[in-house]
All heavy atoms as atom14 arrays in JSON, in Angstrom:
{
  "sequence": "RESSVEEALIEMYLAGVSVRRVEDITEALWGSKVSPSTISELNKKAYV",
  "atom14_mask": [
    [1, 1, 1, 1, 1, 1, 1, 1, 1, 1, 1, 0, 0, 0],
    [1, 1, 1, 1, 1, 1, 1, 1, 1, 0, 0, 0, 0, 0],
    [1, 1, 1, 1, 1, 1, 0, 0, 0, 0, 0, 0, 0, 0],
    [1, 1, 1, 1, 1, 1, 0, 0, 0, 0, 0, 0, 0, 0],
    [1, 1, 1, 1, 1, 1, 1, 0, 0, 0, 0, 0, 0, 0],
    [1, 1, 1, 1, 1, 1, 1, 1, 1, 0, 0, 0, 0, 0],
    [1, 1, 1, 1, 1, 1, 1, 1, 1, 0, 0, 0, 0, 0],
    [1, 1, 1, 1, 1, 0, 0, 0, 0, 0, 0, 0, 0, 0],
    [1, 1, 1, 1, 1, 1, 1, 1, 0, 0, 0, 0, 0, 0],
    [1, 1, 1, 1, 1, 1, 1, 1, 0, 0, 0, 0, 0, 0],
    [1, 1, 1, 1, 1, 1, 1, 1, 1, 0, 0, 0, 0, 0],
    [1, 1, 1, 1, 1, 1, 1, 1, 0, 0, 0, 0, 0, 0],
    [1, 1, 1, 1, 1, 1, 1, 1, 1, 1, 1, 1, 0, 0],
    [1, 1, 1, 1, 1, 1, 1, 1, 0, 0, 0, 0, 0, 0],
    [1, 1, 1, 1, 1, 0, 0, 0, 0, 0, 0, 0, 0, 0],
    [1, 1, 1, 1, 0, 0, 0, 0, 0, 0, 0, 0, 0, 0],
    [1, 1, 1, 1, 1, 1, 1, 0, 0, 0, 0, 0, 0, 0],
    [1, 1, 1, 1, 1, 1, 0, 0, 0, 0, 0, 0, 0, 0],
    [1, 1, 1, 1, 1, 1, 1, 0, 0, 0, 0, 0, 0, 0],
    [1, 1, 1, 1, 1, 1, 1, 1, 1, 1, 1, 0, 0, 0],
    [1, 1, 1, 1, 1, 1, 1, 1, 1, 1, 1, 0, 0, 0],
    [1, 1, 1, 1, 1, 1, 1, 0, 0, 0, 0, 0, 0, 0],
    [1, 1, 1, 1, 1, 1, 1, 1, 1, 0, 0, 0, 0, 0],
    [1, 1, 1, 1, 1, 1, 1, 1, 0, 0, 0, 0, 0, 0],
    [1, 1, 1, 1, 1, 1, 1, 1, 0, 0, 0, 0, 0, 0],
    [1, 1, 1, 1, 1, 1, 1, 0, 0, 0, 0, 0, 0, 0],
    [1, 1, 1, 1, 1, 1, 1, 1, 1, 0, 0, 0, 0, 0],
    [1, 1, 1, 1, 1, 0, 0, 0, 0, 0, 0, 0, 0, 0],
    [1, 1, 1, 1, 1, 1, 1, 1, 0, 0, 0, 0, 0, 0],
    [1, 1, 1, 1, 1, 1, 1, 1, 1, 1, 1, 1, 1, 1],
    [1, 1, 1, 1, 0, 0, 0, 0, 0, 0, 0, 0, 0, 0],
    [1, 1, 1, 1, 1, 1, 0, 0, 0, 0, 0, 0, 0, 0],
    [1, 1, 1, 1, 1, 1, 1, 1, 1, 0, 0, 0, 0, 0],
    [1, 1, 1, 1, 1, 1, 1, 0, 0, 0, 0, 0, 0, 0],
    [1, 1, 1, 1, 1, 1, 0, 0, 0, 0, 0, 0, 0, 0],
    [1, 1, 1, 1, 1, 1, 1, 0, 0, 0, 0, 0, 0, 0],
    [1, 1, 1, 1, 1, 1, 0, 0, 0, 0, 0, 0, 0, 0],
    [1, 1, 1, 1, 1, 1, 1, 0, 0, 0, 0, 0, 0, 0],
    [1, 1, 1, 1, 1, 1, 1, 1, 0, 0, 0, 0, 0, 0],
    [1, 1, 1, 1, 1, 1, 0, 0, 0, 0, 0, 0, 0, 0],
    [1, 1, 1, 1, 1, 1, 1, 1, 1, 0, 0, 0, 0, 0],
    [1, 1, 1, 1, 1, 1, 1, 1, 0, 0, 0, 0, 0, 0],
    [1, 1, 1, 1, 1, 1, 1, 1, 0, 0, 0, 0, 0, 0],
    [1, 1, 1, 1, 1, 1, 1, 1, 1, 0, 0, 0, 0, 0],
    [1, 1, 1, 1, 1, 1, 1, 1, 1, 0, 0, 0, 0, 0],
    [1, 1, 1, 1, 1, 0, 0, 0, 0, 0, 0, 0, 0, 0],
    [1, 1, 1, 1, 1, 1, 1, 1, 1, 1, 1, 1, 0, 0],
    [1, 1, 1, 1, 1, 1, 1, 0, 0, 0, 0, 0, 0, 0]
  ],
  "atom14_positions": [
    [[-49.11, -5.11, -40.04], [-48.88, -5.29, -41.45], [-47.44, -5.09, -41.81], [-46.91, -5.93, -42.57], [-49.79, -4.34, -42.25], [-49.56, -4.6, -43.78], [-50.44, -3.56, -44.59], [-50.26, -3.79, -46.0], [-50.75, -4.8, -46.71], [-51.61, -5.5, -46.07], [-50.62, -4.83, -47.94], [0.0, 0.0, 0.0], [0.0, 0.0, 0.0], [0.0, 0.0, 0.0]],
    [[-46.75, -4.18, -41.3], [-45.33, -3.87, -41.54], [-44.51, -5.1, -41.18], [-43.81, -5.61, -41.88], [-44.82, -2.73, -40.81], [-45.05, -1.36, -41.51], [-44.31, -0.22, -40.71], [-44.28, -0.18, -39.55], [-43.79, 0.58, -41.46], [0.0, 0.0, 0.0], [0.0, 0.0, 0.0], [0.0, 0.0, 0.0], [0.0, 0.0, 0.0], [0.0, 0.0, 0.0]],
    [[-44.86, -5.63, -40.06], [-44.25, -6.86, -39.53], [-44.47, -8.06, -40.34], [-43.52, -8.7, -40.65], [-44.69, -7.04, -38.02], [-44.05, -8.2, -37.57], [0.0, 0.0, 0.0], [0.0, 0.0, 0.0], [0.0, 0.0, 0.0], [0.0, 0.0, 0.0], [0.0, 0.0, 0.0], [0.0, 0.0, 0.0], [0.0, 0.0, 0.0], [0.0, 0.0, 0.0]],
    [[-45.69, -8.21, -40.71], [-46.01, -9.42, -41.64], [-45.48, -9.33, -43.08], [-44.9, -10.31, -43.51], [-47.52, -9.59, -41.73], [-47.96, -8.48, -42.54], [0.0, 0.0, 0.0], [0.0, 0.0, 0.0], [0.0, 0.0, 0.0], [0.0, 0.0, 0.0], [0.0, 0.0, 0.0], [0.0, 0.0, 0.0], [0.0, 0.0, 0.0], [0.0, 0.0, 0.0]],
    [[-45.36, -7.99, -43.58], [-44.56, -7.88, -44.75], [-43.17, -8.31, -44.66], [-42.62, -8.89, -45.52], [-44.88, -6.51, -45.28], [-43.83, -6.11, -46.49], [-46.26, -6.21, -45.79], [0.0, 0.0, 0.0], [0.0, 0.0, 0.0], [0.0, 0.0, 0.0], [0.0, 0.0, 0.0], [0.0, 0.0, 0.0], [0.0, 0.0, 0.0], [0.0, 0.0, 0.0]],
    [[-42.52, -7.72, -43.67], [-41.07, -7.97, -43.39], [-40.9, -9.48, -43.18], [-39.88, -10.05, -43.86], [-40.77, -7.24, -42.09], [-39.23, -7.39, -41.74], [-38.98, -6.66, -40.44], [-38.73, -5.36, -40.54], [-38.83, -7.34, -39.52], [0.0, 0.0, 0.0], [0.0, 0.0, 0.0], [0.0, 0.0, 0.0], [0.0, 0.0, 0.0], [0.0, 0.0, 0.0]],
    [[-41.66, -10.19, -42.53], [-41.53, -11.66, -42.29], [-41.63, -12.28, -43.75], [-40.9, -13.19, -44.06], [-42.58, -12.18, -41.33], [-42.24, -11.77, -39.92], [-40.89, -12.28, -39.39], [-40.6, -13.49, -39.71], [-40.06, -11.68, -38.63], [0.0, 0.0, 0.0], [0.0, 0.0, 0.0], [0.0, 0.0, 0.0], [0.0, 0.0, 0.0], [0.0, 0.0, 0.0]],
    [[-42.65, -11.85, -44.42], [-42.85, -12.62, -45.76], [-41.62, -12.39, -46.71], [-41.27, -13.22, -47.48], [-44.12, -11.93, -46.43], [0.0, 0.0, 0.0], [0.0, 0.0, 0.0], [0.0, 0.0, 0.0], [0.0, 0.0, 0.0], [0.0, 0.0, 0.0], [0.0, 0.0, 0.0], [0.0, 0.0, 0.0], [0.0, 0.0, 0.0], [0.0, 0.0, 0.0]],
    [[-41.06, -11.09, -46.7], [-39.9, -10.81, -47.46], [-38.73, -11.74, -47.06], [-37.92, -12.21, -47.87], [-39.45, -9.48, -47.39], [-40.45, -8.31, -48.01], [-40.04, -6.99, -47.67], [-40.38, -8.54, -49.5], [0.0, 0.0, 0.0], [0.0, 0.0, 0.0], [0.0, 0.0, 0.0], [0.0, 0.0, 0.0], [0.0, 0.0, 0.0], [0.0, 0.0, 0.0]],
    [[-38.48, -11.86, -45.75], [-37.45, -12.7, -45.26], [-37.73, -14.07, -45.67], [-36.72, -14.86, -46.09], [-37.4, -12.71, -43.67], [-36.84, -11.24, -43.29], [-36.45, -13.68, -43.14], [-36.92, -10.96, -41.72], [0.0, 0.0, 0.0], [0.0, 0.0, 0.0], [0.0, 0.0, 0.0], [0.0, 0.0, 0.0], [0.0, 0.0, 0.0], [0.0, 0.0, 0.0]],
    [[-38.97, -14.56, -45.6], [-39.3, -16.0, -45.98], [-38.94, -16.18, -47.44], [-38.51, -17.25, -47.85], [-40.74, -16.38, -45.68], [-40.93, -16.52, -44.09], [-40.08, -17.64, -43.53], [-39.98, -18.67, -44.16], [-39.63, -17.35, -42.51], [0.0, 0.0, 0.0], [0.0, 0.0, 0.0], [0.0, 0.0, 0.0], [0.0, 0.0, 0.0], [0.0, 0.0, 0.0]],
    [[-39.18, -15.19, -48.23], [-38.92, -15.26, -49.65], [-37.52, -15.3, -49.98], [-37.01, -16.23, -50.65], [-39.46, -14.07, -50.48], [-41.09, -14.1, -50.83], [-41.56, -12.93, -51.88], [-41.95, -11.61, -50.67], [0.0, 0.0, 0.0], [0.0, 0.0, 0.0], [0.0, 0.0, 0.0], [0.0, 0.0, 0.0], [0.0, 0.0, 0.0], [0.0, 0.0, 0.0]],
    [[-36.76, -14.76, -49.29], [-35.33, -14.75, -49.28], [-34.78, -16.06, -48.91], [-33.94, -16.74, -49.51], [-34.57, -13.66, -48.59], [-33.06, -13.79, -48.4], [-32.27, -13.52, -49.59], [-32.38, -14.29, -47.34], [-30.89, -13.76, -49.47], [-31.22, -14.55, -47.33], [-30.32, -14.27, -48.47], [-29.01, -14.45, -48.33], [0.0, 0.0, 0.0], [0.0, 0.0, 0.0]],
    [[-35.28, -16.54, -47.78], [-34.88, -17.83, -47.25], [-35.18, -18.88, -48.17], [-34.5, -19.97, -48.2], [-35.54, -18.09, -45.87], [-35.02, -17.21, -44.72], [-35.8, -17.58, -43.48], [-33.55, -17.34, -44.45], [0.0, 0.0, 0.0], [0.0, 0.0, 0.0], [0.0, 0.0, 0.0], [0.0, 0.0, 0.0], [0.0, 0.0, 0.0], [0.0, 0.0, 0.0]],
    [[-36.26, -18.81, -49.02], [-36.72, -19.7, -49.96], [-35.85, -19.71, -51.23], [-35.98, -20.44, -52.22], [-38.14, -19.64, -50.16], [0.0, 0.0, 0.0], [0.0, 0.0, 0.0], [0.0, 0.0, 0.0], [0.0, 0.0, 0.0], [0.0, 0.0, 0.0], [0.0, 0.0, 0.0], [0.0, 0.0, 0.0], [0.0, 0.0, 0.0], [0.0, 0.0, 0.0]],
    [[-34.87, -18.75, -51.26], [-33.97, -18.6, -52.36], [-34.52, -17.84, -53.59], [-34.12, -17.97, -54.67], [0.0, 0.0, 0.0], [0.0, 0.0, 0.0], [0.0, 0.0, 0.0], [0.0, 0.0, 0.0], [0.0, 0.0, 0.0], [0.0, 0.0, 0.0], [0.0, 0.0, 0.0], [0.0, 0.0, 0.0], [0.0, 0.0, 0.0], [0.0, 0.0, 0.0]],
    [[-35.55, -16.95, -53.27], [-36.14, -16.13, -54.32], [-35.18, -14.9, -54.58], [-34.67, -14.27, -53.69], [-37.51, -15.56, -54.02], [-38.1, -14.76, -55.03], [-38.36, -16.75, -53.62], [0.0, 0.0, 0.0], [0.0, 0.0, 0.0], [0.0, 0.0, 0.0], [0.0, 0.0, 0.0], [0.0, 0.0, 0.0], [0.0, 0.0, 0.0], [0.0, 0.0, 0.0]],
    [[-34.96, -14.59, -55.95], [-34.11, -13.58, -56.3], [-34.58, -12.11, -55.91], [-35.86, -12.01, -55.79], [-33.78, -13.64, -57.76], [-34.97, -13.17, -58.49], [0.0, 0.0, 0.0], [0.0, 0.0, 0.0], [0.0, 0.0, 0.0], [0.0, 0.0, 0.0], [0.0, 0.0, 0.0], [0.0, 0.0, 0.0], [0.0, 0.0, 0.0], [0.0, 0.0, 0.0]],
    [[-33.76, -11.23, -55.83], [-34.21, -9.85, -55.47], [-35.09, -9.27, -56.48], [-36.11, -8.81, -56.03], [-32.97, -8.92, -55.31], [-33.33, -7.43, -55.16], [-32.05, -9.35, -54.14], [0.0, 0.0, 0.0], [0.0, 0.0, 0.0], [0.0, 0.0, 0.0], [0.0, 0.0, 0.0], [0.0, 0.0, 0.0], [0.0, 0.0, 0.0], [0.0, 0.0, 0.0]],
    [[-34.89, -9.5, -57.71], [-35.74, -8.95, -58.84], [-37.21, -9.64, -58.72], [-38.19, -8.92, -58.74], [-35.26, -9.34, -60.22], [-36.01, -8.67, -61.3], [-35.41, -9.13, -62.64], [-34.18, -8.36, -62.81], [-34.12, -7.14, -63.25], [-35.16, -6.38, -63.67], [-32.87, -6.64, -63.48], [0.0, 0.0, 0.0], [0.0, 0.0, 0.0], [0.0, 0.0, 0.0]],
    [[-37.17, -10.91, -58.36], [-38.41, -11.63, -58.21], [-39.17, -11.2, -56.97], [-40.38, -11.02, -56.93], [-38.12, -13.19, -58.11], [-39.41, -13.95, -58.04], [-40.13, -13.97, -59.3], [-41.44, -14.7, -59.21], [-42.56, -14.42, -59.86], [-42.61, -13.22, -60.38], [-43.67, -15.27, -59.78], [0.0, 0.0, 0.0], [0.0, 0.0, 0.0], [0.0, 0.0, 0.0]],
    [[-38.43, -10.84, -55.84], [-39.07, -10.35, -54.64], [-39.71, -8.99, -54.91], [-40.91, -8.83, -54.53], [-38.05, -10.22, -53.5], [-38.63, -9.34, -52.42], [-37.53, -11.4, -53.01], [0.0, 0.0, 0.0], [0.0, 0.0, 0.0], [0.0, 0.0, 0.0], [0.0, 0.0, 0.0], [0.0, 0.0, 0.0], [0.0, 0.0, 0.0], [0.0, 0.0, 0.0]],
    [[-39.12, -8.22, -55.71], [-39.72, -6.8, -56.1], [-40.96, -7.12, -56.93], [-42.08, -6.4, -56.63], [-38.81, -6.11, -56.99], [-37.45, -5.51, -56.33], [-36.47, -4.82, -57.32], [-37.17, -4.29, -58.28], [-35.38, -4.62, -56.96], [0.0, 0.0, 0.0], [0.0, 0.0, 0.0], [0.0, 0.0, 0.0], [0.0, 0.0, 0.0], [0.0, 0.0, 0.0]],
    [[-40.99, -8.01, -57.87], [-42.21, -8.3, -58.7], [-43.38, -8.87, -57.74], [-44.56, -8.56, -57.94], [-41.95, -9.3, -59.77], [-41.04, -8.75, -60.87], [-40.93, -7.46, -60.92], [-40.34, -9.54, -61.5], [0.0, 0.0, 0.0], [0.0, 0.0, 0.0], [0.0, 0.0, 0.0], [0.0, 0.0, 0.0], [0.0, 0.0, 0.0], [0.0, 0.0, 0.0]],
    [[-43.06, -9.73, -56.75], [-43.99, -10.38, -55.95], [-44.61, -9.29, -55.03], [-45.86, -9.3, -54.75], [-43.32, -11.51, -55.12], [-42.9, -12.7, -55.97], [-44.31, -11.86, -54.01], [-42.11, -13.75, -55.35], [0.0, 0.0, 0.0], [0.0, 0.0, 0.0], [0.0, 0.0, 0.0], [0.0, 0.0, 0.0], [0.0, 0.0, 0.0], [0.0, 0.0, 0.0]],
    [[-43.73, -8.42, -54.36], [-44.34, -7.41, -53.55], [-45.26, -6.46, -54.2], [-46.27, -6.06, -53.67], [-43.14, -6.63, -52.83], [-42.33, -6.1, -53.89], [-42.28, -7.52, -51.83], [0.0, 0.0, 0.0], [0.0, 0.0, 0.0], [0.0, 0.0, 0.0], [0.0, 0.0, 0.0], [0.0, 0.0, 0.0], [0.0, 0.0, 0.0], [0.0, 0.0, 0.0]],
    [[-44.98, -6.14, -55.46], [-45.73, -5.25, -56.19], [-47.17, -5.98, -56.44], [-48.18, -5.26, -56.46], [-45.13, -4.79, -57.5], [-45.94, -3.84, -58.31], [-45.27, -3.31, -59.65], [-44.6, -4.11, -60.16], [-45.5, -2.28, -60.05], [0.0, 0.0, 0.0], [0.0, 0.0, 0.0], [0.0, 0.0, 0.0], [0.0, 0.0, 0.0], [0.0, 0.0, 0.0]],
    [[-47.14, -7.24, -56.79], [-48.44, -7.98, -57.1], [-49.22, -8.11, -55.77], [-50.41, -8.03, -55.87], [-48.06, -9.35, -57.68], [0.0, 0.0, 0.0], [0.0, 0.0, 0.0], [0.0, 0.0, 0.0], [0.0, 0.0, 0.0], [0.0, 0.0, 0.0], [0.0, 0.0, 0.0], [0.0, 0.0, 0.0], [0.0, 0.0, 0.0], [0.0, 0.0, 0.0]],
    [[-48.53, -8.35, -54.62], [-49.28, -8.49, -53.45], [-49.72, -7.32, -52.72], [-50.88, -7.11, -52.37], [-48.36, -9.37, -52.45], [-48.15, -10.81, -52.8], [-47.16, -11.51, -51.69], [-49.4, -11.5, -52.85], [0.0, 0.0, 0.0], [0.0, 0.0, 0.0], [0.0, 0.0, 0.0], [0.0, 0.0, 0.0], [0.0, 0.0, 0.0], [0.0, 0.0, 0.0]],
    [[-48.8, -6.29, -52.75], [-49.18, -5.12, -51.97], [-49.31, -3.72, -52.63], [-49.47, -2.74, -52.06], [-48.07, -4.99, -50.71], [-48.03, -6.26, -49.89], [-49.04, -6.67, -49.25], [-46.99, -7.03, -49.76], [-48.71, -7.74, -48.55], [-47.32, -8.11, -48.94], [-45.66, -7.15, -50.28], [-46.59, -9.19, -48.53], [-44.86, -8.11, -49.77], [-45.21, -9.18, -48.93]],
    [[-49.19, -3.88, -54.03], [-49.48, -2.72, -54.87], [-48.17, -1.82, -55.08], [-48.27, -0.84, -55.78], [0.0, 0.0, 0.0], [0.0, 0.0, 0.0], [0.0, 0.0, 0.0], [0.0, 0.0, 0.0], [0.0, 0.0, 0.0], [0.0, 0.0, 0.0], [0.0, 0.0, 0.0], [0.0, 0.0, 0.0], [0.0, 0.0, 0.0], [0.0, 0.0, 0.0]],
    [[-47.08, -2.13, -54.33], [-45.94, -1.32, -54.57], [-44.68, -2.22, -54.41], [-44.76, -3.22, -53.5], [-45.79, -0.15, -53.55], [-45.83, -0.57, -52.35], [0.0, 0.0, 0.0], [0.0, 0.0, 0.0], [0.0, 0.0, 0.0], [0.0, 0.0, 0.0], [0.0, 0.0, 0.0], [0.0, 0.0, 0.0], [0.0, 0.0, 0.0], [0.0, 0.0, 0.0]],
    [[-43.49, -1.78, -55.12], [-42.27, -2.63, -55.04], [-41.64, -2.32, -53.73], [-41.68, -1.05, -53.13], [-41.48, -2.31, -56.19], [-41.91, -3.01, -57.42], [-40.96, -2.67, -58.51], [-41.3, -3.32, -60.01], [-40.43, -3.13, -60.99], [0.0, 0.0, 0.0], [0.0, 0.0, 0.0], [0.0, 0.0, 0.0], [0.0, 0.0, 0.0], [0.0, 0.0, 0.0]],
    [[-40.97, -3.3, -53.15], [-39.98, -3.03, -52.0], [-38.63, -2.72, -52.62], [-38.16, -3.58, -53.49], [-40.01, -4.22, -51.0], [-38.84, -4.03, -50.05], [-41.28, -4.48, -50.4], [0.0, 0.0, 0.0], [0.0, 0.0, 0.0], [0.0, 0.0, 0.0], [0.0, 0.0, 0.0], [0.0, 0.0, 0.0], [0.0, 0.0, 0.0], [0.0, 0.0, 0.0]],
    [[-37.98, -1.74, -52.19], [-36.66, -1.25, -52.73], [-35.53, -2.36, -52.54], [-35.71, -3.03, -51.52], [-36.2, 0.02, -52.28], [-35.86, -0.08, -50.93], [0.0, 0.0, 0.0], [0.0, 0.0, 0.0], [0.0, 0.0, 0.0], [0.0, 0.0, 0.0], [0.0, 0.0, 0.0], [0.0, 0.0, 0.0], [0.0, 0.0, 0.0], [0.0, 0.0, 0.0]],
    [[-34.58, -2.43, -53.44], [-33.46, -3.43, -53.21], [-32.77, -3.1, -51.87], [-32.29, -4.17, -51.24], [-32.59, -2.95, -54.41], [-33.42, -2.62, -55.57], [-34.53, -1.74, -54.84], [0.0, 0.0, 0.0], [0.0, 0.0, 0.0], [0.0, 0.0, 0.0], [0.0, 0.0, 0.0], [0.0, 0.0, 0.0], [0.0, 0.0, 0.0], [0.0, 0.0, 0.0]],
    [[-32.66, -1.7, -51.5], [-31.94, -1.38, -50.19], [-32.77, -2.1, -48.98], [-32.16, -2.52, -48.18], [-31.92, 0.08, -50.11], [-33.04, 0.65, -49.97], [0.0, 0.0, 0.0], [0.0, 0.0, 0.0], [0.0, 0.0, 0.0], [0.0, 0.0, 0.0], [0.0, 0.0, 0.0], [0.0, 0.0, 0.0], [0.0, 0.0, 0.0], [0.0, 0.0, 0.0]],
    [[-34.14, -2.07, -49.18], [-34.92, -2.61, -48.08], [-34.79, -4.18, -48.08], [-34.5, -4.77, -47.0], [-36.44, -2.34, -48.25], [-36.62, -0.85, -48.19], [-37.28, -2.96, -47.21], [0.0, 0.0, 0.0], [0.0, 0.0, 0.0], [0.0, 0.0, 0.0], [0.0, 0.0, 0.0], [0.0, 0.0, 0.0], [0.0, 0.0, 0.0], [0.0, 0.0, 0.0]],
    [[-34.7, -4.8, -49.22], [-34.48, -6.25, -49.28], [-33.07, -6.56, -48.71], [-33.05, -7.55, -48.08], [-34.56, -6.62, -50.74], [-36.03, -6.39, -51.27], [-34.17, -8.23, -50.88], [-36.19, -6.75, -52.7], [0.0, 0.0, 0.0], [0.0, 0.0, 0.0], [0.0, 0.0, 0.0], [0.0, 0.0, 0.0], [0.0, 0.0, 0.0], [0.0, 0.0, 0.0]],
    [[-32.13, -5.68, -49.04], [-30.77, -5.92, -48.57], [-30.79, -5.9, -46.9], [-30.18, -6.8, -46.38], [-29.77, -4.88, -49.07], [-28.54, -5.12, -48.53], [0.0, 0.0, 0.0], [0.0, 0.0, 0.0], [0.0, 0.0, 0.0], [0.0, 0.0, 0.0], [0.0, 0.0, 0.0], [0.0, 0.0, 0.0], [0.0, 0.0, 0.0], [0.0, 0.0, 0.0]],
    [[-31.46, -5.04, -46.47], [-31.54, -4.89, -44.94], [-32.27, -6.13, -44.4], [-31.86, -6.72, -43.42], [-32.22, -3.61, -44.52], [-31.5, -2.39, -44.67], [-30.21, -2.38, -43.87], [-30.29, -2.75, -42.68], [-29.16, -2.05, -44.3], [0.0, 0.0, 0.0], [0.0, 0.0, 0.0], [0.0, 0.0, 0.0], [0.0, 0.0, 0.0], [0.0, 0.0, 0.0]],
    [[-33.29, -6.54, -45.08], [-33.86, -7.74, -44.62], [-33.25, -8.9, -44.76], [-33.23, -9.93, -43.92], [-35.33, -7.84, -45.41], [-36.37, -6.83, -44.94], [-37.52, -6.85, -46.0], [-36.92, -6.94, -43.51], [0.0, 0.0, 0.0], [0.0, 0.0, 0.0], [0.0, 0.0, 0.0], [0.0, 0.0, 0.0], [0.0, 0.0, 0.0], [0.0, 0.0, 0.0]],
    [[-32.3, -9.07, -45.76], [-31.4, -10.1, -46.03], [-30.42, -10.22, -44.78], [-30.13, -11.38, -44.5], [-30.62, -9.95, -47.24], [-31.47, -10.23, -48.51], [-32.62, -10.71, -48.34], [-30.87, -9.99, -49.69], [0.0, 0.0, 0.0], [0.0, 0.0, 0.0], [0.0, 0.0, 0.0], [0.0, 0.0, 0.0], [0.0, 0.0, 0.0], [0.0, 0.0, 0.0]],
    [[-30.02, -9.11, -44.21], [-29.11, -9.11, -43.15], [-29.81, -9.85, -41.8], [-29.21, -10.64, -41.13], [-28.62, -7.71, -42.64], [-27.72, -7.15, -43.72], [-27.35, -5.67, -43.28], [-26.51, -5.05, -44.44], [-26.23, -3.63, -44.02], [0.0, 0.0, 0.0], [0.0, 0.0, 0.0], [0.0, 0.0, 0.0], [0.0, 0.0, 0.0], [0.0, 0.0, 0.0]],
    [[-31.21, -9.44, -41.72], [-31.95, -10.17, -40.71], [-32.02, -11.6, -41.05], [-32.04, -12.54, -40.16], [-33.28, -9.49, -40.47], [-33.3, -8.12, -40.1], [-34.66, -7.68, -39.95], [-34.79, -6.13, -39.35], [-36.1, -5.72, -39.32], [0.0, 0.0, 0.0], [0.0, 0.0, 0.0], [0.0, 0.0, 0.0], [0.0, 0.0, 0.0], [0.0, 0.0, 0.0]],
    [[-32.25, -11.93, -42.36], [-32.35, -13.33, -42.69], [-31.16, -14.06, -42.44], [-31.25, -15.25, -42.07], [-32.62, -13.41, -44.17], [0.0, 0.0, 0.0], [0.0, 0.0, 0.0], [0.0, 0.0, 0.0], [0.0, 0.0, 0.0], [0.0, 0.0, 0.0], [0.0, 0.0, 0.0], [0.0, 0.0, 0.0], [0.0, 0.0, 0.0], [0.0, 0.0, 0.0]],
    [[-29.94, -13.4, -42.49], [-28.78, -14.16, -42.17], [-28.72, -14.5, -40.65], [-28.27, -15.66, -40.3], [-27.45, -13.2, -42.44], [-26.83, -13.29, -43.8], [-27.68, -13.47, -44.85], [-25.44, -13.14, -44.02], [-27.16, -13.59, -46.14], [-25.01, -13.17, -45.33], [-25.81, -13.41, -46.42], [-25.37, -13.49, -47.58], [0.0, 0.0, 0.0], [0.0, 0.0, 0.0]],
    [[-29.27, -13.77, -39.87], [-29.51, -13.96, -38.34], [-30.32, -15.19, -38.2], [-30.17, -16.19, -37.53], [-29.9, -12.78, -37.59], [-30.13, -13.26, -36.14], [-28.92, -11.68, -37.71], [0.0, 0.0, 0.0], [0.0, 0.0, 0.0], [0.0, 0.0, 0.0], [0.0, 0.0, 0.0], [0.0, 0.0, 0.0], [0.0, 0.0, 0.0], [0.0, 0.0, 0.0]]
  ]
}
């Protein structure tokens, strides 16, 4: 699940979804927000 959540976050970033919107989406899907620092780390992976 951790892996699938991570991949989903990266895909959202790759699709051009804003950080604020990613927070809202993760809360709606998984019941809790993903922190901006986590999104930032995933963005680095997205760059790769």
